[in-house]
Amino acid sequence: MSQGSAQLTRRRLLQTTATGAAAAAAGLVNAPALLRAQGAAVKLGVLHPVSGALSYSGQQGRLGATLAIEDVNAAGGIKALGGAKIEAVLGDAKSTPEAATPRSRR
């Protein structure tokens, strides 16, 4: 070997291997969320009376629920589920228990 090149010894090999393994492990733990697999969308039932006598209150409730869902999705989704997004499944209770009951059991 020439004088200018570094000689590869067992100690040098182990040091560089350990350093490389530590860097790789740190890189996997701190990988950006975009590179990780995202969870499937979580469907959330939103049942409000948007028609009938209670329609005004129901529309306000639906608006609040959809705004909250948009905020969670904009903040990266549900962190505990790998960033899964929430998908709203909207339903109309029609201001009567008879209309709301079957929809709540789906």
N, C-alpha and C. Protein backbone atom coordinates (compact mmCIF):
# COMPACT_ATOMS: atom_id res chain seq x y z
N MET A 1 0.84 -1.19 0.00
CA MET A 1 0.00 0.00 0.00
C MET A 1 0.88 1.23 0.00
N SER A 2 0.37 2.33 -0.55
CA SER A 2 1.15 3.56 -0.59
C SER A 2 1.04 4.29 0.74
N GLN A 3 1.91 5.23 0.97
CA GLN A 3 1.96 5.99 2.21
C GLN A 3 0.72 6.87 2.37
N GLY A 4 0.16 7.40 1.31
CA GLY A 4 -0.96 8.33 1.37
C GLY A 4 -2.30 7.67 1.68
N SER A 5 -2.46 6.40 1.44
CA SER A 5 -3.75 5.76 1.67
C SER A 5 -3.85 5.26 3.11
N ALA A 6 -5.06 5.33 3.66
CA ALA A 6 -5.28 4.88 5.03
C ALA A 6 -5.34 3.37 5.02
N GLN A 7 -4.69 2.79 6.02
CA GLN A 7 -4.66 1.34 6.10
C GLN A 7 -5.93 0.86 6.80
N LEU A 8 -6.57 -0.15 6.25
CA LEU A 8 -7.80 -0.68 6.81
C LEU A 8 -7.45 -1.72 7.86
N THR A 9 -7.80 -1.44 9.09
CA THR A 9 -7.57 -2.38 10.18
C THR A 9 -8.92 -2.85 10.71
N ARG A 10 -8.85 -3.86 11.54
CA ARG A 10 -10.09 -4.39 12.13
C ARG A 10 -10.77 -3.32 12.98
N ARG A 11 -10.00 -2.58 13.75
CA ARG A 11 -10.55 -1.53 14.60
C ARG A 11 -11.24 -0.45 13.76
N ARG A 12 -10.59 -0.03 12.68
CA ARG A 12 -11.15 1.01 11.80
C ARG A 12 -12.44 0.51 11.15
N LEU A 13 -12.47 -0.74 10.72
CA LEU A 13 -13.65 -1.32 10.10
C LEU A 13 -14.82 -1.35 11.09
N LEU A 14 -14.57 -1.77 12.33
CA LEU A 14 -15.63 -1.82 13.33
C LEU A 14 -16.14 -0.43 13.68
N GLN A 15 -15.24 0.55 13.75
CA GLN A 15 -15.66 1.91 14.07
C GLN A 15 -16.56 2.48 12.98
N THR A 16 -16.16 2.32 11.75
CA THR A 16 -16.96 2.88 10.66
C THR A 16 -18.29 2.13 10.50
N THR A 17 -18.28 0.83 10.73
CA THR A 17 -19.51 0.06 10.63
C THR A 17 -20.49 0.48 11.73
N ALA A 18 -20.01 0.65 12.95
CA ALA A 18 -20.87 1.08 14.06
C ALA A 18 -21.41 2.48 13.82
N THR A 19 -20.58 3.36 13.31
CA THR A 19 -21.03 4.72 13.02
C THR A 19 -22.08 4.71 11.92
N GLY A 20 -21.87 3.94 10.89
CA GLY A 20 -22.83 3.85 9.79
C GLY A 20 -24.15 3.25 10.24
N ALA A 21 -24.09 2.23 11.09
CA ALA A 21 -25.32 1.61 11.60
C ALA A 21 -26.11 2.58 12.46
N ALA A 22 -25.41 3.35 13.29
CA ALA A 22 -26.09 4.34 14.14
C ALA A 22 -26.74 5.43 13.29
N ALA A 23 -26.05 5.87 12.26
CA ALA A 23 -26.61 6.90 11.38
C ALA A 23 -27.82 6.38 10.63
N ALA A 24 -27.76 5.14 10.19
CA ALA A 24 -28.89 4.55 9.47
C ALA A 24 -30.09 4.39 10.39
N ALA A 25 -29.85 3.96 11.62
CA ALA A 25 -30.96 3.80 12.58
C ALA A 25 -31.58 5.14 12.90
N ALA A 26 -30.78 6.16 13.08
CA ALA A 26 -31.31 7.49 13.36
C ALA A 26 -32.09 8.02 12.17
N GLY A 27 -31.64 7.72 10.98
CA GLY A 27 -32.35 8.16 9.78
C GLY A 27 -33.69 7.48 9.62
N LEU A 28 -33.78 6.21 10.00
CA LEU A 28 -35.06 5.50 9.90
C LEU A 28 -36.05 6.00 10.93
N VAL A 29 -35.58 6.30 12.12
CA VAL A 29 -36.47 6.78 13.18
C VAL A 29 -36.97 8.18 12.86
N ASN A 30 -36.12 9.01 12.30
CA ASN A 30 -36.48 10.40 12.02
C ASN A 30 -36.92 10.63 10.58
N ALA A 31 -37.32 9.58 9.88
CA ALA A 31 -37.72 9.73 8.49
C ALA A 31 -38.96 10.62 8.40
N PRO A 32 -39.04 11.45 7.39
CA PRO A 32 -40.23 12.29 7.24
C PRO A 32 -41.49 11.45 7.10
N ALA A 33 -42.59 12.02 7.54
CA ALA A 33 -43.87 11.30 7.50
C ALA A 33 -44.27 10.95 6.07
N LEU A 34 -43.83 11.73 5.08
CA LEU A 34 -44.20 11.44 3.70
C LEU A 34 -43.58 10.15 3.21
N LEU A 35 -42.43 9.77 3.79
CA LEU A 35 -41.77 8.55 3.35
C LEU A 35 -42.33 7.32 4.04
N ARG A 36 -43.01 7.50 5.15
CA ARG A 36 -43.61 6.38 5.85
C ARG A 36 -44.96 6.04 5.22
N ALA A 37 -45.35 4.79 5.38
CA ALA A 37 -46.66 4.39 4.86
C ALA A 37 -47.75 5.05 5.67
N GLN A 38 -48.72 5.65 5.00
CA GLN A 38 -49.82 6.28 5.69
C GLN A 38 -50.95 5.28 5.85
N GLY A 39 -51.65 5.42 6.98
CA GLY A 39 -52.75 4.52 7.26
C GLY A 39 -53.92 4.77 6.32
N ALA A 40 -54.79 3.80 6.25
CA ALA A 40 -56.00 3.95 5.43
C ALA A 40 -56.91 5.00 6.05
N ALA A 41 -57.75 5.59 5.25
CA ALA A 41 -58.67 6.62 5.75
C ALA A 41 -59.62 6.02 6.78
N VAL A 42 -59.91 6.82 7.81
CA VAL A 42 -60.84 6.42 8.86
C VAL A 42 -62.18 7.07 8.56
N LYS A 43 -63.20 6.27 8.39
CA LYS A 43 -64.52 6.81 8.10
C LYS A 43 -65.20 7.17 9.42
N LEU A 44 -65.74 8.39 9.47
CA LEU A 44 -66.40 8.90 10.66
C LEU A 44 -67.81 9.32 10.30
N GLY A 45 -68.79 8.70 10.93
CA GLY A 45 -70.18 9.03 10.67
C GLY A 45 -70.57 10.34 11.32
N VAL A 46 -71.15 11.23 10.53
CA VAL A 46 -71.61 12.54 11.00
C VAL A 46 -73.10 12.61 10.70
N LEU A 47 -73.91 12.44 11.73
CA LEU A 47 -75.36 12.38 11.57
C LEU A 47 -75.98 13.58 12.26
N HIS A 48 -76.56 14.45 11.45
CA HIS A 48 -77.22 15.66 11.96
C HIS A 48 -78.56 15.83 11.24
N PRO A 49 -79.51 16.50 11.91
CA PRO A 49 -80.77 16.81 11.23
C PRO A 49 -80.60 18.04 10.34
N VAL A 50 -80.34 17.83 9.07
CA VAL A 50 -80.13 18.96 8.15
C VAL A 50 -81.38 19.28 7.33
N SER A 51 -82.46 18.59 7.63
CA SER A 51 -83.76 18.93 7.03
C SER A 51 -84.80 18.79 8.13
N GLY A 52 -85.91 19.45 7.95
CA GLY A 52 -86.97 19.38 8.95
C GLY A 52 -86.89 20.53 9.95
N ALA A 53 -87.58 20.37 11.08
CA ALA A 53 -87.71 21.45 12.07
C ALA A 53 -86.39 21.84 12.73
N LEU A 54 -85.46 20.93 12.85
CA LEU A 54 -84.18 21.21 13.52
C LEU A 54 -83.04 21.44 12.54
N SER A 55 -83.37 21.79 11.32
CA SER A 55 -82.35 21.87 10.28
C SER A 55 -81.29 22.93 10.54
N TYR A 56 -81.65 24.08 11.12
CA TYR A 56 -80.65 25.12 11.34
C TYR A 56 -79.57 24.62 12.31
N SER A 57 -79.98 24.05 13.42
CA SER A 57 -79.01 23.52 14.39
C SER A 57 -78.19 22.38 13.79
N GLY A 58 -78.84 21.54 13.00
CA GLY A 58 -78.14 20.43 12.37
C GLY A 58 -77.10 20.88 11.37
N GLN A 59 -77.43 21.91 10.59
CA GLN A 59 -76.47 22.44 9.63
C GLN A 59 -75.27 23.06 10.33
N GLN A 60 -75.52 23.74 11.46
CA GLN A 60 -74.41 24.33 12.22
C GLN A 60 -73.52 23.23 12.82
N GLY A 61 -74.15 22.17 13.31
CA GLY A 61 -73.39 21.04 13.84
C GLY A 61 -72.56 20.35 12.78
N ARG A 62 -73.14 20.17 11.59
CA ARG A 62 -72.42 19.54 10.49
C ARG A 62 -71.23 20.40 10.05
N LEU A 63 -71.45 21.71 10.00
CA LEU A 63 -70.36 22.62 9.63
C LEU A 63 -69.22 22.52 10.64
N GLY A 64 -69.56 22.50 11.92
CA GLY A 64 -68.53 22.37 12.96
C GLY A 64 -67.76 21.07 12.86
N ALA A 65 -68.48 19.99 12.60
CA ALA A 65 -67.82 18.68 12.48
C ALA A 65 -66.89 18.63 11.27
N THR A 66 -67.34 19.15 10.14
CA THR A 66 -66.49 19.12 8.94
C THR A 66 -65.28 20.03 9.09
N LEU A 67 -65.44 21.16 9.77
CA LEU A 67 -64.28 22.03 10.01
C LEU A 67 -63.26 21.35 10.92
N ALA A 68 -63.74 20.65 11.94
CA ALA A 68 -62.84 19.93 12.84
C ALA A 68 -62.10 18.82 12.09
N ILE A 69 -62.81 18.11 11.23
CA ILE A 69 -62.18 17.05 10.44
C ILE A 69 -61.12 17.63 9.51
N GLU A 70 -61.42 18.76 8.88
CA GLU A 70 -60.44 19.41 8.00
C GLU A 70 -59.22 19.85 8.78
N ASP A 71 -59.40 20.34 10.01
CA ASP A 71 -58.26 20.75 10.84
C ASP A 71 -57.37 19.57 11.18
N VAL A 72 -57.98 18.45 11.55
CA VAL A 72 -57.19 17.25 11.88
C VAL A 72 -56.43 16.76 10.65
N ASN A 73 -57.09 16.72 9.51
CA ASN A 73 -56.43 16.26 8.29
C ASN A 73 -55.30 17.20 7.87
N ALA A 74 -55.52 18.52 8.03
CA ALA A 74 -54.48 19.50 7.66
C ALA A 74 -53.26 19.41 8.59
N ALA A 75 -53.49 18.97 9.82
CA ALA A 75 -52.39 18.84 10.78
C ALA A 75 -51.65 17.52 10.64
N GLY A 76 -51.98 16.74 9.65
CA GLY A 76 -51.26 15.48 9.42
C GLY A 76 -52.07 14.24 9.71
N GLY A 77 -53.34 14.37 9.98
CA GLY A 77 -54.18 13.20 10.22
C GLY A 77 -54.04 12.68 11.64
N ILE A 78 -54.44 11.45 11.84
CA ILE A 78 -54.39 10.81 13.16
C ILE A 78 -53.01 10.22 13.34
N LYS A 79 -52.22 10.82 14.21
CA LYS A 79 -50.83 10.41 14.40
C LYS A 79 -50.72 8.96 14.88
N ALA A 80 -51.60 8.55 15.78
CA ALA A 80 -51.54 7.20 16.33
C ALA A 80 -51.81 6.13 15.27
N LEU A 81 -52.42 6.52 14.17
CA LEU A 81 -52.72 5.58 13.09
C LEU A 81 -51.84 5.84 11.87
N GLY A 82 -50.67 6.39 12.09
CA GLY A 82 -49.73 6.62 10.99
C GLY A 82 -50.11 7.74 10.07
N GLY A 83 -50.82 8.75 10.58
CA GLY A 83 -51.21 9.88 9.75
C GLY A 83 -52.46 9.64 8.91
N ALA A 84 -53.29 8.69 9.35
CA ALA A 84 -54.51 8.38 8.60
C ALA A 84 -55.42 9.60 8.55
N LYS A 85 -55.98 9.85 7.41
CA LYS A 85 -56.92 10.96 7.23
C LYS A 85 -58.32 10.51 7.64
N ILE A 86 -59.13 11.49 8.04
CA ILE A 86 -60.52 11.22 8.42
C ILE A 86 -61.40 11.53 7.22
N GLU A 87 -62.29 10.61 6.93
CA GLU A 87 -63.25 10.78 5.84
C GLU A 87 -64.65 10.84 6.45
N ALA A 88 -65.34 11.95 6.27
CA ALA A 88 -66.68 12.12 6.84
C ALA A 88 -67.71 11.38 6.00
N VAL A 89 -68.56 10.64 6.68
CA VAL A 89 -69.71 9.99 6.05
C VAL A 89 -70.93 10.73 6.58
N LEU A 90 -71.50 11.59 5.75
CA LEU A 90 -72.57 12.47 6.18
C LEU A 90 -73.93 11.80 6.07
N GLY A 91 -74.78 12.08 7.08
CA GLY A 91 -76.13 11.53 7.08
C GLY A 91 -77.12 12.57 7.58
N ASP A 92 -78.35 12.46 7.13
CA ASP A 92 -79.41 13.39 7.52
C ASP A 92 -80.38 12.66 8.45
N ALA A 93 -80.54 13.16 9.67
CA ALA A 93 -81.45 12.55 10.63
C ALA A 93 -82.89 12.99 10.38
N LYS A 94 -83.09 13.97 9.54
CA LYS A 94 -84.42 14.47 9.14
C LYS A 94 -85.29 14.91 10.32
N SER A 95 -84.67 15.28 11.42
CA SER A 95 -85.33 15.80 12.61
C SER A 95 -86.31 14.83 13.25
N THR A 96 -86.19 13.53 12.95
CA THR A 96 -87.07 12.54 13.57
C THR A 96 -86.26 11.33 14.02
N PRO A 97 -86.62 10.74 15.15
CA PRO A 97 -85.93 9.53 15.59
C PRO A 97 -86.10 8.36 14.62
N GLU A 98 -87.25 8.30 13.96
CA GLU A 98 -87.49 7.20 13.02
C GLU A 98 -86.52 7.24 11.84
N ALA A 99 -86.13 8.42 11.42
CA ALA A 99 -85.18 8.54 10.30
C ALA A 99 -83.74 8.38 10.77
N ALA A 100 -83.46 8.80 12.00
CA ALA A 100 -82.08 8.78 12.50
C ALA A 100 -81.64 7.38 12.92
N THR A 101 -82.53 6.59 13.48
CA THR A 101 -82.15 5.28 14.03
C THR A 101 -81.52 4.33 13.00
N PRO A 102 -82.13 4.11 11.84
CA PRO A 102 -81.49 3.21 10.88
C PRO A 102 -80.15 3.74 10.36
N ARG A 103 -80.04 5.03 10.22
CA ARG A 103 -78.78 5.61 9.72
C ARG A 103 -77.65 5.46 10.75
N SER A 104 -77.98 5.49 12.02
CA SER A 104 -76.95 5.37 13.04
C SER A 104 -76.44 3.94 13.18
N ARG A 105 -77.15 2.98 12.67
CA ARG A 105 -76.76 1.57 12.78
C ARG A 105 -75.98 1.07 11.59
N ARG A 106 -75.69 1.90 10.62
CA ARG A 106 -74.94 1.47 9.43
C ARG A 106 -73.50 1.31 9.73
